[in-house]
PDB file of N, CA and C in Angstrom:
ATOM      1  N   UNK A   1      79.175  90.653 282.074  1.00  0.00           N
ATOM      2  CA  UNK A   1      78.757  91.948 282.594  1.00  0.00           C
ATOM      3  C   UNK A   1      79.826  92.527 283.517  1.00  0.00           C
ATOM      4  N   UNK A   2      80.451  91.670 284.326  1.00  0.00           N
ATOM      5  CA  UNK A   2      81.472  92.128 285.270  1.00  0.00           C
ATOM      6  C   UNK A   2      82.681  92.702 284.524  1.00  0.00           C
ATOM      7  N   UNK A   3      83.020  92.061 283.404  1.00  0.00           N
ATOM      8  CA  UNK A   3      84.161  92.521 282.605  1.00  0.00           C
ATOM      9  C   UNK A   3      83.874  93.914 282.057  1.00  0.00           C
ATOM     10  N   UNK A   4      82.642  94.130 281.602  1.00  0.00           N
ATOM     11  CA  UNK A   4      82.248  95.420 281.042  1.00  0.00           C
ATOM     12  C   UNK A   4      82.405  96.528 282.076  1.00  0.00           C
ATOM     13  N   UNK A   5      81.979  96.245 283.295  1.00  0.00           N
ATOM     14  CA  UNK A   5      82.081  97.227 284.376  1.00  0.00           C
ATOM     15  C   UNK A   5      83.545  97.537 284.679  1.00  0.00           C
ATOM     16  N   UNK A   6      84.371  96.497 284.680  1.00  0.00           N
ATOM     17  CA  UNK A   6      85.805  96.677 284.941  1.00  0.00           C
ATOM     18  C   UNK A   6      86.435  97.572 283.886  1.00  0.00           C
ATOM     19  N   UNK A   7      86.118  97.304 282.622  1.00  0.00           N
ATOM     20  CA  UNK A   7      86.666  98.096 281.520  1.00  0.00           C
ATOM     21  C   UNK A   7      86.211  99.545 281.638  1.00  0.00           C
ATOM     22  N   UNK A   8      84.935  99.721 281.999  1.00  0.00           N
ATOM     23  CA  UNK A   8      84.381 101.067 282.114  1.00  0.00           C
ATOM     24  C   UNK A   8      85.089 101.850 283.214  1.00  0.00           C
ATOM     25  N   UNK A   9      85.311 101.223 284.356  1.00  0.00           N
ATOM     26  CA  UNK A   9      85.977 101.901 285.468  1.00  0.00           C
ATOM     27  C   UNK A   9      87.438 102.177 285.130  1.00  0.00           C
ATOM     28  N   UNK A  10      88.078 101.253 284.425  1.00  0.00           N
ATOM     29  CA  UNK A  10      89.469 101.446 284.004  1.00  0.00           C
ATOM     30  C   UNK A  10      89.579 102.640 283.068  1.00  0.00           C
ATOM     31  N   UNK A  11      88.651 102.715 282.108  1.00  0.00           N
ATOM     32  CA  UNK A  11      88.638 103.828 281.164  1.00  0.00           C
ATOM     33  C   UNK A  11      88.454 105.137 281.903  1.00  0.00           C
ATOM     34  N   UNK A  12      87.566 105.136 282.895  1.00  0.00           N
ATOM     35  CA  UNK A  12      87.298 106.332 283.685  1.00  0.00           C
ATOM     36  C   UNK A  12      88.545 106.786 284.431  1.00  0.00           C
ATOM     37  N   UNK A  13      89.257 105.830 285.022  1.00  0.00           N
ATOM     38  CA  UNK A  13      90.479 106.138 285.771  1.00  0.00           C
ATOM     39  C   UNK A  13      91.539 106.723 284.837  1.00  0.00           C
ATOM     40  N   UNK A  14      91.698 106.107 283.665  1.00  0.00           N
ATOM     41  CA  UNK A  14      92.695 106.576 282.694  1.00  0.00           C
ATOM     42  C   UNK A  14      92.359 107.987 282.226  1.00  0.00           C
ATOM     43  N   UNK A  15      91.076 108.237 281.944  1.00  0.00           N
ATOM     44  CA  UNK A  15      90.653 109.565 281.507  1.00  0.00           C
ATOM     45  C   UNK A  15      90.907 110.599 282.591  1.00  0.00           C
ATOM     46  N   UNK A  16      90.621 110.245 283.836  1.00  0.00           N
ATOM     47  CA  UNK A  16      90.838 111.155 284.958  1.00  0.00           C
ATOM     48  C   UNK A  16      92.320 111.494 285.091  1.00  0.00           C
ATOM     49  N   UNK A  17      93.168 110.475 284.989  1.00  0.00           N
ATOM     50  CA  UNK A  17      94.618 110.679 285.071  1.00  0.00           C
ATOM     51  C   UNK A  17      95.099 111.565 283.934  1.00  0.00           C
ATOM     52  N   UNK A  18      94.562 111.327 282.742  1.00  0.00           N
ATOM     53  CA  UNK A  18      94.946 112.106 281.572  1.00  0.00           C
ATOM     54  C   UNK A  18      94.579 113.575 281.761  1.00  0.00           C
ATOM     55  N   UNK A  19      93.369 113.821 282.279  1.00  0.00           N
ATOM     56  CA  UNK A  19      92.926 115.193 282.531  1.00  0.00           C
ATOM     57  C   UNK A  19      93.823 115.860 283.558  1.00  0.00           C
ATOM     58  N   UNK A  20      94.162 115.119 284.592  1.00  0.00           N
ATOM     59  CA  UNK A  20      95.009 115.643 285.664  1.00  0.00           C
ATOM     60  C   UNK A  20      96.384 116.021 285.115  1.00  0.00           C
ATOM     61  N   UNK A  21      96.962 115.122 284.316  1.00  0.00           N
ATOM     62  CA  UNK A  21      98.281 115.372 283.739  1.00  0.00           C
ATOM     63  C   UNK A  21      98.250 116.551 282.783  1.00  0.00           C
ATOM     64  N   UNK A  22      97.207 116.638 281.973  1.00  0.00           N
ATOM     65  CA  UNK A  22      97.071 117.755 281.037  1.00  0.00           C
ATOM     66  C   UNK A  22      96.968 119.067 281.802  1.00  0.00           C
ATOM     67  N   UNK A  23      96.240 119.044 282.909  1.00  0.00           N
ATOM     68  CA  UNK A  23      96.103 120.231 283.748  1.00  0.00           C
ATOM     69  C   UNK A  23      97.435 120.653 284.326  1.00  0.00           C
ATOM     70  N   UNK A  24      98.198 119.687 284.797  1.00  0.00           N
ATOM     71  CA  UNK A  24      99.507 119.971 285.375  1.00  0.00           C
ATOM     72  C   UNK A  24     100.446 120.571 284.330  1.00  0.00           C
ATOM     73  N   UNK A  25     100.420 120.008 283.122  1.00  0.00           N
ATOM     74  CA  UNK A  25     101.297 120.469 282.047  1.00  0.00           C
ATOM     75  C   UNK A  25     100.944 121.899 281.650  1.00  0.00           C
ATOM     76  N   UNK A  26      99.660 122.189 281.476  1.00  0.00           N
ATOM     77  CA  UNK A  26      99.250 123.529 281.083  1.00  0.00           C
ATOM     78  C   UNK A  26      99.575 124.539 282.177  1.00  0.00           C
ATOM     79  N   UNK A  27      99.437 124.120 283.430  1.00  0.00           N
ATOM     80  CA  UNK A  27      99.755 124.989 284.558  1.00  0.00           C
ATOM     81  C   UNK A  27     101.245 125.311 284.569  1.00  0.00           C
ATOM     82  N   UNK A  28     102.067 124.301 284.353  1.00  0.00           N
ATOM     83  CA  UNK A  28     103.517 124.491 284.314  1.00  0.00           C
ATOM     84  C   UNK A  28     103.898 125.401 283.155  1.00  0.00           C
ATOM     85  N   UNK A  29     103.267 125.191 282.016  1.00  0.00           N
ATOM     86  CA  UNK A  29     103.537 126.000 280.830  1.00  0.00           C
ATOM     87  C   UNK A  29     103.165 127.456 281.075  1.00  0.00           C
ATOM     88  N   UNK A  30     102.029 127.668 281.724  1.00  0.00           N
ATOM     89  CA  UNK A  30     101.563 129.019 282.042  1.00  0.00           C
ATOM     90  C   UNK A  30     102.540 129.715 282.980  1.00  0.00           C
ATOM     91  N   UNK A  31     102.996 129.005 283.995  1.00  0.00           N
ATOM     92  CA  UNK A  31     103.962 129.555 284.954  1.00  0.00           C
ATOM     93  C   UNK A  31     105.260 129.911 284.240  1.00  0.00           C
ATOM     94  N   UNK A  32     105.680 129.048 283.322  1.00  0.00           N
ATOM     95  CA  UNK A  32     106.897 129.285 282.550  1.00  0.00           C
ATOM     96  C   UNK A  32     106.760 130.553 281.714  1.00  0.00           C
ATOM     97  N   UNK A  33     105.601 130.731 281.083  1.00  0.00           N
ATOM     98  CA  UNK A  33     105.349 131.923 280.278  1.00  0.00           C
ATOM     99  C   UNK A  33     105.402 133.176 281.136  1.00  0.00           C
ATOM    100  N   UNK A  34     104.805 133.106 282.322  1.00  0.00           N
ATOM    101  CA  UNK A  34     104.805 134.243 283.236  1.00  0.00           C
ATOM    102  C   UNK A  34     106.230 134.595 283.645  1.00  0.00           C
ATOM    103  N   UNK A  35     107.044 133.587 283.906  1.00  0.00           N
ATOM    104  CA  UNK A  35     108.438 133.801 284.294  1.00  0.00           C
ATOM    105  C   UNK A  35     109.233 134.430 283.154  1.00  0.00           C
ATOM    106  N   UNK A  36     108.978 133.983 281.932  1.00  0.00           N
ATOM    107  CA  UNK A  36     109.681 134.535 280.773  1.00  0.00           C
ATOM    108  C   UNK A  36     109.304 135.995 280.561  1.00  0.00           C
ATOM    109  N   UNK A  37     108.054 136.328 280.832  1.00  0.00           N
ATOM    110  CA  UNK A  37     107.571 137.684 280.632  1.00  0.00           C
ATOM    111  C   UNK A  37     108.227 138.658 281.613  1.00  0.00           C
ATOM    112  N   UNK A  38     108.514 138.181 282.828  1.00  0.00           N
ATOM    113  CA  UNK A  38     109.100 139.050 283.848  1.00  0.00           C
ATOM    114  C   UNK A  38     110.585 139.285 283.604  1.00  0.00           C
ATOM    115  N   UNK A  39     111.229 138.421 282.840  1.00  0.00           N
ATOM    116  CA  UNK A  39     112.666 138.568 282.574  1.00  0.00           C
ATOM    117  C   UNK A  39     112.959 139.788 281.702  1.00  0.00           C
TER     118      UNK A  39
END
């Protein structure tokens, strides 16, 4: 049972990190698009 909980929390952490990174990438991409538009 303890192993299951560990795996579940690990999966949660990885998913959270993935969401955070995806958010950062899309934000950077959006900023880049805005900069290109102003040129």
